[in-house]
Every structure is written in structure tokens, then in C-alpha cells.
Amino acid sequence: MNMTQAINLSKSKILNQIQCPRRLWLEQYNPELEEPSLEMETVLDNEAYVADIAKRLFSSGQGIHINSRRGLRSAIDQTHAALAENGNNPIYDATFAFDGVQVQVDILDRSNPTPKAIEVKCADRIIDSFIDDCAIQAWTMQQLGMNDVSIAIAHAPRSAAFENATSFSDVFAETDVTPQVRQRATDVARIADKARAVLASLEQPLADVGDQCTGRYPCPFLDYCAANT
């Protein structure tokens, strides 16, 4: 039996593998080496805030909310039940898993015959890592037979005038990224296999400090790696 098949991967773990295998390994086995980053906390707080606003504005919040407090299995079961209803209400935080890869879709829009997965971001433009993010979601849904789902990114800066917004389109710029995402999705299985191999290893991967260490999601192990490269 290939032991790496038993390693489950969240979307964030696969994104960490894309950024740097060393980060993935350290977060799993040496999280105490992380250096707290106010910048990173701000990014995550802003993303959570903007995603919450998006779900309240989209279809006036009149959709099916998936509750993940009872764990992954419960969230997946709730999502399957919501899809089985064949209604046109959006599903917020739709949760899927395939072959150990676990993803959550901010908004699954079912207002048209072809469903659309909308990833919400706190940003004034679309960057490459957002496409990676969506590709993991798209690949997982494809493996479950959801091949017709289109993919969009809805983004708004934290400074947007949310207080006066009455509709989703008032503050969010929505861009269809289906072609780019589907192309990138062809690499997801390979990247997931590499991530499992990294996590199955007892040895910390080596990596030089470089541009991958900074950016929108700065690595919390930068100081450690700079001192131990």
C-alpha cells in the first residue's frame, strides 16, 4: 500500500506546496518555528471579512449555508443534500472532497442551468495564486462529476464602500476565469502527489530563500529558513 494515499490535503496545504515544499513540511511538523506576522493576520482577517460581506450581499443572503462546525464529513453531507434538492438557491461554503483533497467553495451560484463557483477575494486585482486556488476547487469538483461548473473570482478591496452596498455587484468585480483555471487544474493531481510525498518524508526539504517567500501570503518561516539555509 502506498502510504501517501492516506494523507489528506486541504486546499491550503496544496497551495503551500506550490509556494514552497519546505513551508508545507514545517507547518506540519515544526509549527512552533512560525514567526507571527501582523501582515499575514491582516490579510486573513480582511479575506474573512470580505467573504462574509459577499455571502450577505449575494442573492441577499437567501441561500443554503453549509455549517462546518461539526466537521468535514458533516459539511460534505450537507452539501450533497443541498445539491440533491435541485433548486436554484446559491450554496454558501459548499464543501467537497476527493481522494483526500478537501475544498470549500465560497459561493456556488445555481441561478443558471450551468452552476458557477465563485471564489471571493479581498483584493483590487486578480493575481496568479488566486488561479491556483480556484484550480484546486475545480479539479476536485471535476473528479466528482461536476464538469460543467464555470469558475469566477469576485474581488473587492477592504476599503470598498460595503456600508452603502445593496447588491453584490455594487462592490464586487466578478471575472470569469474558467479557461485559465481548467488549464491549471490539469496539474493539481501531480502537485497533490508531491505534497503527500513531502509530508510522508521524515526529512525536511531544502529550499533557498527567494521570491516565493514573500508576496500576498508571506511565509511564516522566512526568518528560520534565512538562518538555516
Protein backbone atom coordinates (compact mmCIF):
# COMPACT_ATOMS: atom_id res chain seq x y z
CA MET A 1 0.00 0.00 0.00
CA ASN A 2 1.24 3.48 -0.85
CA MET A 3 1.16 5.28 2.50
CA THR A 4 1.00 8.71 0.84
CA GLN A 5 -2.54 7.87 -0.33
CA ALA A 6 -3.68 8.10 3.30
CA ILE A 7 -2.55 11.72 3.70
CA ASN A 8 -5.45 14.14 3.41
CA LEU A 9 -4.80 17.55 1.91
CA SER A 10 -6.68 20.77 2.48
CA LYS A 11 -6.59 23.38 -0.24
CA SER A 12 -4.21 25.47 1.87
CA LYS A 13 -1.72 22.59 2.08
CA ILE A 14 -1.65 22.22 -1.69
CA LEU A 15 -1.17 25.97 -2.04
CA ASN A 16 1.71 25.75 0.43
CA GLN A 17 3.26 23.00 -1.69
CA ILE A 18 3.02 25.29 -4.72
CA GLN A 19 4.66 28.12 -2.80
CA CYS A 20 7.37 26.01 -1.17
CA PRO A 21 7.54 22.33 -0.08
CA ARG A 22 9.63 23.36 2.92
CA ARG A 23 6.81 25.57 4.20
CA LEU A 24 4.37 22.68 3.84
CA TRP A 25 6.63 20.34 5.82
CA LEU A 26 7.44 22.87 8.55
CA GLU A 27 3.79 23.80 9.12
CA GLN A 28 3.02 20.10 9.61
CA TYR A 29 5.96 19.09 11.79
CA ASN A 30 7.51 22.23 13.30
CA PRO A 31 4.73 24.83 13.65
CA GLU A 32 6.48 26.21 16.74
CA LEU A 33 9.05 27.75 14.38
CA GLU A 34 6.49 30.09 12.85
CA GLU A 35 7.08 33.79 13.34
CA PRO A 36 3.79 35.64 13.95
CA SER A 37 3.10 38.10 11.17
CA LEU A 38 0.76 41.04 11.64
CA GLU A 39 0.72 41.45 7.86
CA MET A 40 -0.48 37.88 7.35
CA GLU A 41 -3.08 38.15 10.11
CA THR A 42 -4.40 41.30 8.46
CA VAL A 43 -4.66 39.58 5.06
CA LEU A 44 -6.56 36.64 6.54
CA ASP A 45 -8.85 38.87 8.61
CA ASN A 46 -9.64 41.00 5.57
CA GLU A 47 -10.38 37.94 3.43
CA ALA A 48 -12.74 36.53 6.05
CA TYR A 49 -14.49 39.88 6.41
CA VAL A 50 -14.94 40.39 2.67
CA ALA A 51 -16.11 36.80 2.14
CA ASP A 52 -18.75 37.30 4.83
CA ILE A 53 -19.94 40.51 3.17
CA ALA A 54 -20.13 38.73 -0.19
CA LYS A 55 -22.33 35.96 1.18
CA ARG A 56 -24.67 38.50 2.76
CA LEU A 57 -25.00 40.52 -0.43
CA PHE A 58 -25.18 37.68 -2.96
CA SER A 59 -28.84 36.90 -3.54
CA SER A 60 -29.49 38.93 -0.38
CA GLY A 61 -28.03 36.05 1.60
CA GLN A 62 -31.02 33.89 0.64
CA GLY A 63 -29.27 30.61 0.07
CA ILE A 64 -28.17 27.43 1.76
CA HIS A 65 -25.42 27.93 4.32
CA ILE A 66 -23.20 24.92 4.94
CA ASN A 67 -22.19 24.65 8.60
CA SER A 68 -18.70 23.19 9.02
CA ARG A 69 -18.65 23.29 12.82
CA ARG A 70 -19.47 19.60 13.02
CA GLY A 71 -16.54 18.66 10.83
CA LEU A 72 -15.70 17.87 7.23
CA ARG A 73 -17.96 14.83 6.87
CA SER A 74 -21.00 16.79 8.05
CA ALA A 75 -20.23 19.70 5.69
CA ILE A 76 -19.88 17.32 2.74
CA ASP A 77 -23.16 15.58 3.61
CA GLN A 78 -24.93 18.94 3.91
CA THR A 79 -23.57 19.96 0.50
CA HIS A 80 -24.72 16.73 -1.15
CA ALA A 81 -28.18 17.17 0.38
CA ALA A 82 -28.36 20.76 -0.90
CA LEU A 83 -27.34 19.70 -4.41
CA ALA A 84 -29.88 16.89 -4.38
CA GLU A 85 -32.66 19.43 -3.90
CA ASN A 86 -32.00 20.65 -7.47
CA GLY A 87 -33.09 24.15 -6.52
CA ASN A 88 -31.64 27.41 -7.79
CA ASN A 89 -30.64 28.88 -4.43
CA PRO A 90 -26.92 29.52 -4.01
CA ILE A 91 -24.92 27.32 -1.68
CA TYR A 92 -22.50 29.14 0.61
CA ASP A 93 -19.33 27.29 1.63
CA ALA A 94 -20.17 24.22 -0.46
CA THR A 95 -17.74 21.52 0.65
CA PHE A 96 -16.26 18.72 -1.46
CA ALA A 97 -13.58 16.08 -1.11
CA PHE A 98 -11.99 13.62 -3.50
CA ASP A 99 -9.05 11.29 -2.93
CA GLY A 100 -8.20 13.13 0.28
CA VAL A 101 -8.27 16.61 -1.29
CA GLN A 102 -10.71 18.87 0.57
CA VAL A 103 -12.10 22.18 -0.71
CA GLN A 104 -14.73 24.73 0.17
CA VAL A 105 -16.41 26.99 -2.42
CA ASP A 106 -17.38 30.44 -1.15
CA ILE A 107 -20.48 30.72 -3.33
CA LEU A 108 -21.93 28.08 -5.63
CA ASP A 109 -24.31 30.05 -7.84
CA ARG A 110 -27.13 27.89 -9.23
CA SER A 111 -29.28 30.63 -10.73
CA ASN A 112 -28.48 29.40 -14.27
CA PRO A 113 -28.54 25.89 -15.77
CA THR A 114 -24.75 25.86 -15.62
CA PRO A 115 -23.61 26.31 -12.00
CA LYS A 116 -20.83 28.74 -11.20
CA ALA A 117 -18.28 28.53 -8.40
CA ILE A 118 -17.36 31.99 -7.12
CA GLU A 119 -14.18 32.50 -5.12
CA VAL A 120 -14.25 35.72 -3.09
CA LYS A 121 -11.03 37.66 -2.55
CA CYS A 122 -10.08 40.84 -0.74
CA ALA A 123 -8.03 42.45 -3.49
CA ASP A 124 -8.14 45.13 -6.13
CA ARG A 125 -6.92 42.76 -8.87
CA ILE A 126 -6.61 39.08 -9.70
CA ILE A 127 -3.20 37.53 -9.07
CA ASP A 128 -1.74 34.19 -10.09
CA SER A 129 -2.19 32.48 -6.74
CA PHE A 130 -5.95 33.06 -6.99
CA ILE A 131 -5.98 30.92 -10.15
CA ASP A 132 -4.16 28.14 -8.28
CA ASP A 133 -6.72 28.42 -5.51
CA CYS A 134 -9.63 28.04 -7.93
CA ALA A 135 -7.88 25.25 -9.85
CA ILE A 136 -7.81 23.02 -6.76
CA GLN A 137 -11.53 23.57 -6.29
CA ALA A 138 -12.27 22.96 -9.97
CA TRP A 139 -10.21 19.74 -10.07
CA THR A 140 -11.98 18.35 -7.02
CA MET A 141 -15.41 19.08 -8.45
CA GLN A 142 -14.41 17.62 -11.81
CA GLN A 143 -13.40 14.35 -10.15
CA LEU A 144 -16.86 14.22 -8.59
CA GLY A 145 -18.51 14.57 -12.00
CA MET A 146 -19.21 18.30 -11.82
CA ASN A 147 -17.57 19.03 -15.16
CA ASP A 148 -19.86 21.83 -16.28
CA VAL A 149 -19.17 24.22 -13.39
CA SER A 150 -17.77 27.56 -14.50
CA ILE A 151 -15.34 29.44 -12.27
CA ALA A 152 -15.30 33.13 -11.35
CA ILE A 153 -13.34 35.31 -8.97
CA ALA A 154 -15.20 38.14 -7.23
CA HIS A 155 -12.88 40.66 -5.65
CA ALA A 156 -13.15 43.91 -3.74
CA PRO A 157 -10.62 45.81 -1.64
CA ARG A 158 -11.09 46.09 2.11
CA SER A 159 -11.73 49.82 1.57
CA ALA A 160 -14.82 49.19 -0.58
CA ALA A 161 -18.00 51.01 0.43
CA PHE A 162 -19.68 47.94 1.91
CA GLU A 163 -21.78 50.02 4.29
CA ASN A 164 -23.79 51.54 1.45
CA ALA A 165 -23.92 48.45 -0.76
CA THR A 166 -27.31 47.00 -1.54
CA SER A 167 -26.25 44.37 -4.05
CA PHE A 168 -23.29 42.11 -4.77
CA SER A 169 -22.39 43.98 -7.95
CA ASP A 170 -22.20 47.28 -6.10
CA VAL A 171 -18.81 46.39 -4.64
CA PHE A 172 -17.54 43.16 -6.19
CA ALA A 173 -15.88 42.95 -9.60
CA GLU A 174 -16.60 39.45 -10.93
CA THR A 175 -14.34 37.92 -13.58
CA ASP A 176 -14.82 34.60 -15.33
CA VAL A 177 -11.55 32.66 -15.09
CA THR A 178 -12.80 29.28 -16.31
CA PRO A 179 -10.29 28.76 -19.17
CA GLN A 180 -7.24 29.63 -17.04
CA VAL A 181 -8.47 27.56 -14.13
CA ARG A 182 -9.24 24.48 -16.20
CA GLN A 183 -5.79 24.61 -17.75
CA ARG A 184 -4.15 24.91 -14.32
CA ALA A 185 -6.38 22.17 -12.91
CA THR A 186 -4.61 19.58 -15.05
CA ASP A 187 -1.60 19.92 -12.71
CA VAL A 188 -3.48 19.52 -9.43
CA ALA A 189 -3.22 15.74 -9.13
CA ARG A 190 0.53 15.87 -9.73
CA ILE A 191 1.00 18.66 -7.18
CA ALA A 192 -1.11 16.81 -4.62
CA ASP A 193 1.04 13.69 -5.07
CA LYS A 194 4.16 15.77 -4.50
CA ALA A 195 2.63 17.31 -1.36
CA ARG A 196 1.85 13.86 0.03
CA ALA A 197 5.40 12.72 -0.68
CA VAL A 198 6.75 15.76 1.18
CA LEU A 199 4.54 15.07 4.20
CA ALA A 200 5.39 11.37 4.17
CA SER A 201 9.10 12.11 4.39
CA LEU A 202 10.95 12.27 7.71
CA GLU A 203 13.44 14.73 6.24
CA GLN A 204 12.84 18.45 5.98
CA PRO A 205 13.02 19.61 2.33
CA LEU A 206 15.74 22.08 1.47
CA ALA A 207 14.84 25.33 -0.24
CA ASP A 208 16.65 28.59 -0.87
CA VAL A 209 15.13 31.85 0.30
CA GLY A 210 13.69 33.67 -2.70
CA ASP A 211 10.74 35.49 -4.19
CA GLN A 212 8.42 32.63 -3.24
CA CYS A 213 8.91 33.53 0.41
CA THR A 214 7.08 36.83 0.15
CA GLY A 215 4.08 38.14 -1.72
CA ARG A 216 0.42 38.10 -0.79
CA TYR A 217 0.91 35.18 1.58
CA PRO A 218 4.34 35.72 3.16
CA CYS A 219 5.87 32.58 4.61
CA PRO A 220 5.85 32.49 8.43
CA PHE A 221 9.11 30.51 8.36
CA LEU A 222 11.12 33.10 6.45
CA ASP A 223 13.36 34.02 9.38
CA TYR A 224 14.00 30.38 10.21
CA CYS A 225 14.90 29.50 6.62
CA ALA A 226 17.12 32.56 6.24
CA ALA A 227 19.11 31.40 9.26
CA ASN A 228 19.18 27.72 8.25
CA THR A 229 19.74 27.65 4.53
